[in-house]
Amino acid sequence: MICFIGLSRSYWFIQSTRSRCCLFLVVAAALAQEFRGTILGRVTDSSGGVIANAAVTITNAGTNTAVKTTTTAAGAYTVPFLIPGSYTVAVQAAGFRTFQRQGVVVQVQDRVEISVVLEPGVVTENVVVRGETSLLQPHRAPSARWSTRPASSISP
């Protein structure tokens, strides 16, 4: 009898420990929900046709970090794992004007859909930044002179 009582207590302890472990894992999984969001959408032309291989750039306005992707054969794009914040969505494709939307807000666990319609055209403006010498030349600047005389004694 003593052996059976010891076995039943051991069995109960093992079952209780398993139940506690399972409960802990379920609670941990519930607390570990994703905090980041997603921007997704579809890129089409003005007639409704999908645009494959369009370049999509998602830029965080606060950190200025950019994530780049391309659209699928169905014109779809998805950019997951974005931290909450304000973003700019830019889409470029050959033969179309560049699309840009600023102020796209992503919050915790958001799925923000930005469907884009590209208009025919070409990009005609380029911004080129070149390194040039400064217009201010501090080694040639006139030196300032201080005077301790009263202002009334200085002639114009």
N, C-alpha and C. Protein backbone atom coordinates (compact mmCIF):
# COMPACT_ATOMS: atom_id res chain seq x y z
N MET A 1 0.80 -1.19 0.00
CA MET A 1 0.00 0.00 0.00
C MET A 1 0.85 1.27 0.00
N ILE A 2 1.93 1.24 0.69
CA ILE A 2 2.77 2.41 0.80
C ILE A 2 3.35 2.76 -0.57
N CYS A 3 3.71 1.76 -1.33
CA CYS A 3 4.26 2.02 -2.67
C CYS A 3 3.24 2.69 -3.56
N PHE A 4 1.98 2.23 -3.50
CA PHE A 4 0.96 2.81 -4.35
C PHE A 4 0.66 4.26 -3.98
N ILE A 5 0.68 4.55 -2.68
CA ILE A 5 0.44 5.92 -2.24
C ILE A 5 1.57 6.82 -2.73
N GLY A 6 2.81 6.36 -2.65
CA GLY A 6 3.95 7.13 -3.13
C GLY A 6 3.87 7.35 -4.63
N LEU A 7 3.46 6.31 -5.38
CA LEU A 7 3.33 6.44 -6.83
C LEU A 7 2.23 7.41 -7.21
N SER A 8 1.12 7.34 -6.50
CA SER A 8 0.02 8.25 -6.85
C SER A 8 0.40 9.70 -6.56
N ARG A 9 1.16 9.92 -5.49
CA ARG A 9 1.60 11.29 -5.21
C ARG A 9 2.59 11.77 -6.27
N SER A 10 3.50 10.91 -6.70
CA SER A 10 4.45 11.26 -7.75
C SER A 10 3.73 11.54 -9.05
N TYR A 11 2.77 10.67 -9.37
CA TYR A 11 2.00 10.84 -10.60
C TYR A 11 1.25 12.17 -10.56
N TRP A 12 0.62 12.49 -9.42
CA TRP A 12 -0.10 13.75 -9.28
C TRP A 12 0.85 14.93 -9.42
N PHE A 13 2.04 14.86 -8.84
CA PHE A 13 3.02 15.94 -8.92
C PHE A 13 3.46 16.16 -10.37
N ILE A 14 3.71 15.07 -11.10
CA ILE A 14 4.13 15.19 -12.51
C ILE A 14 3.01 15.81 -13.34
N GLN A 15 1.79 15.36 -13.16
CA GLN A 15 0.67 15.90 -13.92
C GLN A 15 0.45 17.38 -13.59
N SER A 16 0.59 17.72 -12.32
CA SER A 16 0.42 19.10 -11.90
C SER A 16 1.51 19.99 -12.51
N THR A 17 2.73 19.49 -12.55
CA THR A 17 3.85 20.24 -13.13
C THR A 17 3.63 20.43 -14.63
N ARG A 18 3.18 19.42 -15.32
CA ARG A 18 2.89 19.54 -16.76
C ARG A 18 1.81 20.59 -17.01
N SER A 19 0.78 20.56 -16.18
CA SER A 19 -0.30 21.54 -16.34
C SER A 19 0.21 22.95 -16.13
N ARG A 20 1.05 23.13 -15.14
CA ARG A 20 1.61 24.46 -14.88
C ARG A 20 2.48 24.93 -16.04
N CYS A 21 3.28 24.03 -16.59
CA CYS A 21 4.14 24.39 -17.73
C CYS A 21 3.30 24.78 -18.93
N CYS A 22 2.26 24.01 -19.21
CA CYS A 22 1.38 24.33 -20.34
C CYS A 22 0.70 25.68 -20.13
N LEU A 23 0.23 25.92 -18.92
CA LEU A 23 -0.41 27.20 -18.62
C LEU A 23 0.58 28.34 -18.79
N PHE A 24 1.81 28.17 -18.34
CA PHE A 24 2.84 29.20 -18.49
C PHE A 24 3.10 29.50 -19.96
N LEU A 25 3.21 28.46 -20.80
CA LEU A 25 3.47 28.67 -22.22
C LEU A 25 2.32 29.39 -22.92
N VAL A 26 1.10 29.06 -22.56
CA VAL A 26 -0.06 29.72 -23.16
C VAL A 26 -0.09 31.20 -22.77
N VAL A 27 0.16 31.50 -21.50
CA VAL A 27 0.17 32.89 -21.04
C VAL A 27 1.31 33.66 -21.69
N ALA A 28 2.49 33.04 -21.79
CA ALA A 28 3.64 33.71 -22.42
C ALA A 28 3.35 34.02 -23.89
N ALA A 29 2.73 33.09 -24.58
CA ALA A 29 2.41 33.33 -25.99
C ALA A 29 1.38 34.45 -26.14
N ALA A 30 0.42 34.51 -25.22
CA ALA A 30 -0.59 35.57 -25.29
C ALA A 30 0.01 36.94 -25.02
N LEU A 31 1.01 36.99 -24.14
CA LEU A 31 1.63 38.27 -23.82
C LEU A 31 2.63 38.72 -24.88
N ALA A 32 3.12 37.82 -25.68
CA ALA A 32 4.15 38.14 -26.66
C ALA A 32 3.55 38.47 -28.02
N GLN A 33 2.50 39.26 -28.03
CA GLN A 33 1.88 39.64 -29.29
C GLN A 33 2.77 40.63 -30.05
N GLU A 34 2.65 40.62 -31.35
CA GLU A 34 3.44 41.50 -32.21
C GLU A 34 3.01 42.95 -32.04
N PHE A 35 3.98 43.85 -31.91
CA PHE A 35 3.67 45.27 -31.74
C PHE A 35 3.87 46.05 -33.02
N ARG A 36 4.49 45.44 -34.02
CA ARG A 36 4.77 46.16 -35.25
C ARG A 36 3.59 46.07 -36.22
N GLY A 37 3.62 46.92 -37.24
CA GLY A 37 2.53 46.97 -38.19
C GLY A 37 2.99 46.64 -39.60
N THR A 38 2.07 46.70 -40.55
CA THR A 38 2.33 46.34 -41.94
C THR A 38 1.69 47.36 -42.87
N ILE A 39 2.41 47.71 -43.94
CA ILE A 39 1.82 48.49 -45.03
C ILE A 39 1.77 47.57 -46.24
N LEU A 40 0.62 47.50 -46.87
CA LEU A 40 0.44 46.62 -48.02
C LEU A 40 -0.47 47.29 -49.03
N GLY A 41 -0.49 46.74 -50.23
CA GLY A 41 -1.38 47.32 -51.24
C GLY A 41 -1.18 46.69 -52.59
N ARG A 42 -1.76 47.34 -53.56
CA ARG A 42 -1.71 46.86 -54.95
C ARG A 42 -1.43 48.07 -55.84
N VAL A 43 -0.60 47.87 -56.84
CA VAL A 43 -0.23 48.95 -57.76
C VAL A 43 -0.84 48.64 -59.13
N THR A 44 -1.63 49.61 -59.62
CA THR A 44 -2.27 49.46 -60.93
C THR A 44 -2.04 50.72 -61.76
N ASP A 45 -2.33 50.62 -63.04
CA ASP A 45 -2.28 51.82 -63.89
C ASP A 45 -3.68 52.43 -63.95
N SER A 46 -3.82 53.51 -64.69
CA SER A 46 -5.09 54.24 -64.72
C SER A 46 -6.22 53.43 -65.36
N SER A 47 -5.89 52.39 -66.12
CA SER A 47 -6.94 51.56 -66.73
C SER A 47 -7.28 50.35 -65.87
N GLY A 48 -6.59 50.18 -64.73
CA GLY A 48 -6.87 49.07 -63.83
C GLY A 48 -5.94 47.88 -63.99
N GLY A 49 -5.04 47.93 -64.94
CA GLY A 49 -4.08 46.84 -65.13
C GLY A 49 -3.02 46.85 -64.05
N VAL A 50 -2.61 45.66 -63.62
CA VAL A 50 -1.61 45.58 -62.56
C VAL A 50 -0.23 45.93 -63.10
N ILE A 51 0.61 46.47 -62.22
CA ILE A 51 1.98 46.83 -62.59
C ILE A 51 2.92 45.95 -61.77
N ALA A 52 3.57 45.03 -62.47
CA ALA A 52 4.52 44.12 -61.81
C ALA A 52 5.90 44.78 -61.74
N ASN A 53 6.68 44.39 -60.75
CA ASN A 53 8.06 44.84 -60.57
C ASN A 53 8.21 46.35 -60.36
N ALA A 54 7.18 46.99 -59.84
CA ALA A 54 7.29 48.41 -59.48
C ALA A 54 8.11 48.51 -58.19
N ALA A 55 8.94 49.52 -58.10
CA ALA A 55 9.78 49.73 -56.91
C ALA A 55 8.96 50.46 -55.85
N VAL A 56 8.83 49.85 -54.68
CA VAL A 56 8.08 50.44 -53.57
C VAL A 56 9.08 50.74 -52.45
N THR A 57 9.06 51.98 -51.97
CA THR A 57 9.93 52.40 -50.88
C THR A 57 9.08 52.96 -49.76
N ILE A 58 9.25 52.38 -48.57
CA ILE A 58 8.54 52.82 -47.37
C ILE A 58 9.58 53.46 -46.46
N THR A 59 9.43 54.76 -46.15
CA THR A 59 10.41 55.50 -45.36
C THR A 59 9.79 55.99 -44.07
N ASN A 60 10.43 55.67 -42.95
CA ASN A 60 9.98 56.13 -41.64
C ASN A 60 10.35 57.61 -41.51
N ALA A 61 9.38 58.47 -41.26
CA ALA A 61 9.62 59.91 -41.19
C ALA A 61 10.45 60.29 -39.97
N GLY A 62 10.32 59.53 -38.88
CA GLY A 62 11.05 59.85 -37.67
C GLY A 62 12.51 59.45 -37.70
N THR A 63 12.80 58.29 -38.29
CA THR A 63 14.17 57.77 -38.30
C THR A 63 14.84 57.87 -39.66
N ASN A 64 14.06 58.17 -40.70
CA ASN A 64 14.54 58.27 -42.07
C ASN A 64 15.12 56.94 -42.59
N THR A 65 14.68 55.83 -42.01
CA THR A 65 15.09 54.52 -42.52
C THR A 65 14.09 54.08 -43.58
N ALA A 66 14.60 53.44 -44.62
CA ALA A 66 13.75 53.04 -45.73
C ALA A 66 13.79 51.52 -45.92
N VAL A 67 12.65 50.98 -46.30
CA VAL A 67 12.53 49.57 -46.65
C VAL A 67 12.08 49.54 -48.10
N LYS A 68 12.80 48.76 -48.93
CA LYS A 68 12.47 48.69 -50.35
C LYS A 68 12.00 47.29 -50.72
N THR A 69 11.03 47.25 -51.60
CA THR A 69 10.52 45.98 -52.12
C THR A 69 10.01 46.22 -53.54
N THR A 70 9.60 45.18 -54.21
CA THR A 70 9.00 45.30 -55.54
C THR A 70 7.65 44.59 -55.54
N THR A 71 6.80 45.01 -56.46
CA THR A 71 5.48 44.38 -56.54
C THR A 71 5.59 43.02 -57.21
N THR A 72 4.65 42.15 -56.89
CA THR A 72 4.60 40.81 -57.47
C THR A 72 4.01 40.88 -58.87
N ALA A 73 3.87 39.73 -59.50
CA ALA A 73 3.26 39.67 -60.83
C ALA A 73 1.81 40.14 -60.79
N ALA A 74 1.17 40.04 -59.61
CA ALA A 74 -0.20 40.50 -59.44
C ALA A 74 -0.27 41.97 -59.02
N GLY A 75 0.89 42.64 -58.95
CA GLY A 75 0.93 44.05 -58.58
C GLY A 75 0.84 44.30 -57.08
N ALA A 76 0.95 43.27 -56.28
CA ALA A 76 0.81 43.41 -54.83
C ALA A 76 2.17 43.62 -54.16
N TYR A 77 2.14 44.30 -53.02
CA TYR A 77 3.34 44.47 -52.20
C TYR A 77 2.94 44.39 -50.74
N THR A 78 3.86 43.95 -49.91
CA THR A 78 3.65 43.87 -48.47
C THR A 78 4.96 44.21 -47.79
N VAL A 79 4.91 45.14 -46.84
CA VAL A 79 6.08 45.49 -46.05
C VAL A 79 5.70 45.31 -44.58
N PRO A 80 6.08 44.16 -43.99
CA PRO A 80 5.73 43.89 -42.60
C PRO A 80 6.79 44.42 -41.63
N PHE A 81 6.52 44.25 -40.35
CA PHE A 81 7.46 44.53 -39.26
C PHE A 81 7.89 46.00 -39.20
N LEU A 82 6.95 46.91 -39.40
CA LEU A 82 7.24 48.35 -39.30
C LEU A 82 6.91 48.81 -37.89
N ILE A 83 7.83 49.55 -37.27
CA ILE A 83 7.57 50.07 -35.94
C ILE A 83 6.52 51.17 -36.05
N PRO A 84 5.70 51.35 -35.03
CA PRO A 84 4.68 52.40 -35.09
C PRO A 84 5.30 53.77 -35.37
N GLY A 85 4.66 54.52 -36.25
CA GLY A 85 5.15 55.85 -36.60
C GLY A 85 4.52 56.34 -37.89
N SER A 86 5.07 57.44 -38.40
CA SER A 86 4.59 58.05 -39.64
C SER A 86 5.53 57.66 -40.78
N TYR A 87 4.96 57.30 -41.92
CA TYR A 87 5.74 56.80 -43.05
C TYR A 87 5.38 57.54 -44.34
N THR A 88 6.34 57.49 -45.28
CA THR A 88 6.11 57.96 -46.64
C THR A 88 6.18 56.75 -47.56
N VAL A 89 5.17 56.62 -48.42
CA VAL A 89 5.12 55.51 -49.38
C VAL A 89 5.42 56.09 -50.76
N ALA A 90 6.44 55.56 -51.43
CA ALA A 90 6.79 56.00 -52.78
C ALA A 90 6.82 54.80 -53.70
N VAL A 91 6.24 54.95 -54.90
CA VAL A 91 6.20 53.87 -55.88
C VAL A 91 6.69 54.42 -57.21
N GLN A 92 7.62 53.68 -57.83
CA GLN A 92 8.16 54.07 -59.14
C GLN A 92 8.11 52.88 -60.08
N ALA A 93 7.79 53.16 -61.33
CA ALA A 93 7.80 52.15 -62.38
C ALA A 93 8.14 52.83 -63.70
N ALA A 94 8.82 52.12 -64.56
CA ALA A 94 9.21 52.67 -65.85
C ALA A 94 7.97 53.06 -66.65
N GLY A 95 7.99 54.27 -67.20
CA GLY A 95 6.89 54.74 -68.03
C GLY A 95 5.76 55.39 -67.24
N PHE A 96 5.93 55.52 -65.92
CA PHE A 96 4.88 56.10 -65.08
C PHE A 96 5.46 57.21 -64.20
N ARG A 97 4.60 58.12 -63.81
CA ARG A 97 5.00 59.16 -62.86
C ARG A 97 5.20 58.53 -61.49
N THR A 98 6.08 59.11 -60.71
CA THR A 98 6.33 58.61 -59.36
C THR A 98 5.17 58.98 -58.45
N PHE A 99 4.72 58.01 -57.67
CA PHE A 99 3.66 58.22 -56.69
C PHE A 99 4.31 58.39 -55.32
N GLN A 100 3.81 59.35 -54.53
CA GLN A 100 4.34 59.54 -53.18
C GLN A 100 3.21 59.98 -52.26
N ARG A 101 3.07 59.29 -51.13
CA ARG A 101 2.09 59.68 -50.12
C ARG A 101 2.80 59.79 -48.78
N GLN A 102 2.69 60.97 -48.18
CA GLN A 102 3.33 61.22 -46.88
C GLN A 102 2.29 61.12 -45.77
N GLY A 103 2.78 60.93 -44.56
CA GLY A 103 1.89 60.93 -43.40
C GLY A 103 1.07 59.68 -43.22
N VAL A 104 1.54 58.55 -43.73
CA VAL A 104 0.85 57.28 -43.53
C VAL A 104 1.20 56.79 -42.11
N VAL A 105 0.20 56.73 -41.24
CA VAL A 105 0.44 56.40 -39.83
C VAL A 105 0.23 54.90 -39.61
N VAL A 106 1.25 54.27 -39.03
CA VAL A 106 1.19 52.86 -38.66
C VAL A 106 1.18 52.78 -37.14
N GLN A 107 0.18 52.09 -36.60
CA GLN A 107 0.09 51.90 -35.16
C GLN A 107 0.31 50.43 -34.83
N VAL A 108 0.26 50.09 -33.57
CA VAL A 108 0.52 48.72 -33.12
C VAL A 108 -0.45 47.76 -33.82
N GLN A 109 0.11 46.72 -34.42
CA GLN A 109 -0.61 45.65 -35.12
C GLN A 109 -1.50 46.15 -36.27
N ASP A 110 -1.21 47.32 -36.82
CA ASP A 110 -1.99 47.84 -37.95
C ASP A 110 -1.63 47.10 -39.24
N ARG A 111 -2.61 47.03 -40.12
CA ARG A 111 -2.41 46.58 -41.50
C ARG A 111 -2.99 47.70 -42.36
N VAL A 112 -2.11 48.62 -42.77
CA VAL A 112 -2.54 49.80 -43.52
C VAL A 112 -2.45 49.48 -45.01
N GLU A 113 -3.58 49.62 -45.70
CA GLU A 113 -3.60 49.33 -47.13
C GLU A 113 -3.52 50.63 -47.93
N ILE A 114 -2.51 50.71 -48.78
CA ILE A 114 -2.32 51.85 -49.67
C ILE A 114 -2.34 51.31 -51.10
N SER A 115 -3.49 51.42 -51.75
CA SER A 115 -3.59 51.01 -53.15
C SER A 115 -3.18 52.20 -54.01
N VAL A 116 -2.32 51.94 -54.99
CA VAL A 116 -1.70 53.00 -55.78
C VAL A 116 -2.14 52.89 -57.24
N VAL A 117 -2.52 54.02 -57.81
CA VAL A 117 -2.82 54.10 -59.24
C VAL A 117 -1.75 55.02 -59.85
N LEU A 118 -0.91 54.44 -60.70
CA LEU A 118 0.15 55.22 -61.35
C LEU A 118 -0.36 55.81 -62.66
N GLU A 119 -0.02 57.07 -62.87
CA GLU A 119 -0.40 57.78 -64.09
C GLU A 119 0.73 57.66 -65.11
N PRO A 120 0.40 57.53 -66.38
CA PRO A 120 1.45 57.46 -67.40
C PRO A 120 2.28 58.74 -67.43
N GLY A 121 3.51 58.61 -67.72
CA GLY A 121 4.41 59.75 -67.78
C GLY A 121 5.83 59.31 -67.50
N VAL A 122 6.71 60.25 -67.45
CA VAL A 122 8.11 59.95 -67.15
C VAL A 122 8.58 60.90 -66.05
N VAL A 123 9.58 60.46 -65.35
CA VAL A 123 10.18 61.32 -64.33
C VAL A 123 11.09 62.30 -65.06
N THR A 124 10.80 63.60 -64.95
CA THR A 124 11.58 64.59 -65.67
C THR A 124 12.46 65.43 -64.76
N GLU A 125 12.28 65.31 -63.47
CA GLU A 125 13.07 66.11 -62.54
C GLU A 125 14.02 65.22 -61.77
N ASN A 126 15.27 65.61 -61.73
CA ASN A 126 16.28 64.93 -60.94
C ASN A 126 16.94 65.94 -60.03
N VAL A 127 17.18 65.55 -58.81
CA VAL A 127 17.89 66.39 -57.88
C VAL A 127 19.31 65.85 -57.79
N VAL A 128 20.27 66.68 -58.17
CA VAL A 128 21.67 66.27 -58.15
C VAL A 128 22.38 67.14 -57.12
N VAL A 129 23.03 66.50 -56.17
CA VAL A 129 23.77 67.23 -55.15
C VAL A 129 25.25 67.01 -55.42
N ARG A 130 25.96 68.10 -55.59
CA ARG A 130 27.40 68.03 -55.85
C ARG A 130 28.12 68.78 -54.75
N GLY A 131 29.28 68.30 -54.40
CA GLY A 131 30.08 69.00 -53.40
C GLY A 131 30.74 70.22 -54.02
N GLU A 132 30.52 71.38 -53.44
CA GLU A 132 31.13 72.61 -53.94
C GLU A 132 31.74 73.36 -52.77
N THR A 133 32.60 74.31 -53.08
CA THR A 133 33.22 75.09 -52.02
C THR A 133 32.20 76.02 -51.38
N SER A 134 32.44 76.35 -50.18
CA SER A 134 31.55 77.22 -49.42
C SER A 134 31.69 78.66 -49.91
N LEU A 135 30.58 79.38 -49.93
CA LEU A 135 30.62 80.78 -50.30
C LEU A 135 31.23 81.62 -49.19
N LEU A 136 31.11 81.17 -47.97
CA LEU A 136 31.69 81.87 -46.83
C LEU A 136 33.14 81.44 -46.68
N GLN A 137 34.03 82.41 -46.66
CA GLN A 137 35.44 82.12 -46.51
C GLN A 137 35.91 82.77 -45.21
N PRO A 138 35.90 82.01 -44.13
CA PRO A 138 36.18 82.61 -42.83
C PRO A 138 37.59 83.18 -42.70
N HIS A 139 38.56 82.68 -43.44
CA HIS A 139 39.91 83.21 -43.33
C HIS A 139 40.03 84.59 -43.99
N ARG A 140 39.06 85.00 -44.80
CA ARG A 140 39.07 86.31 -45.44
C ARG A 140 38.06 87.27 -44.83
N ALA A 141 37.33 86.81 -43.85
CA ALA A 141 36.31 87.67 -43.24
C ALA A 141 36.99 88.79 -42.46
N PRO A 142 36.46 90.03 -42.54
CA PRO A 142 37.07 91.13 -41.79
C PRO A 142 36.92 90.87 -40.29
N SER A 143 37.92 91.27 -39.55
CA SER A 143 37.87 91.06 -38.11
C SER A 143 37.07 92.18 -37.46
N ALA A 144 36.38 91.83 -36.42
CA ALA A 144 35.59 92.82 -35.68
C ALA A 144 36.49 93.51 -34.67
N ARG A 145 36.24 94.79 -34.45
CA ARG A 145 37.02 95.55 -33.47
C ARG A 145 36.10 96.04 -32.38
N TRP A 146 36.54 95.91 -31.18
CA TRP A 146 35.78 96.35 -30.03
C TRP A 146 36.29 97.70 -29.55
N SER A 147 35.38 98.51 -29.13
CA SER A 147 35.76 99.82 -28.62
C SER A 147 35.12 100.02 -27.25
N THR A 148 35.88 100.64 -26.38
CA THR A 148 35.34 100.93 -25.05
C THR A 148 34.88 102.36 -24.94
N ARG A 149 34.91 103.11 -26.04
CA ARG A 149 34.46 104.50 -26.02
C ARG A 149 32.94 104.55 -25.96
N PRO A 150 32.37 105.58 -25.40
CA PRO A 150 30.92 105.73 -25.39
C PRO A 150 30.39 105.90 -26.82
N ALA A 151 29.21 105.43 -27.08
CA ALA A 151 28.60 105.48 -28.41
C ALA A 151 28.46 106.91 -28.90
N SER A 152 28.25 107.86 -28.03
CA SER A 152 28.07 109.25 -28.45
C SER A 152 29.35 109.86 -29.03
N SER A 153 30.51 109.30 -28.69
CA SER A 153 31.77 109.85 -29.18
C SER A 153 32.18 109.29 -30.54
N ILE A 154 31.43 108.28 -31.04
CA ILE A 154 31.78 107.68 -32.33
C ILE A 154 31.10 108.47 -33.43
N SER A 155 31.90 108.92 -34.40
CA SER A 155 31.32 109.68 -35.50
C SER A 155 30.86 108.73 -36.59
N PRO A 156 29.78 109.11 -37.30
CA PRO A 156 29.26 108.23 -38.37
C PRO A 156 30.16 108.16 -39.57
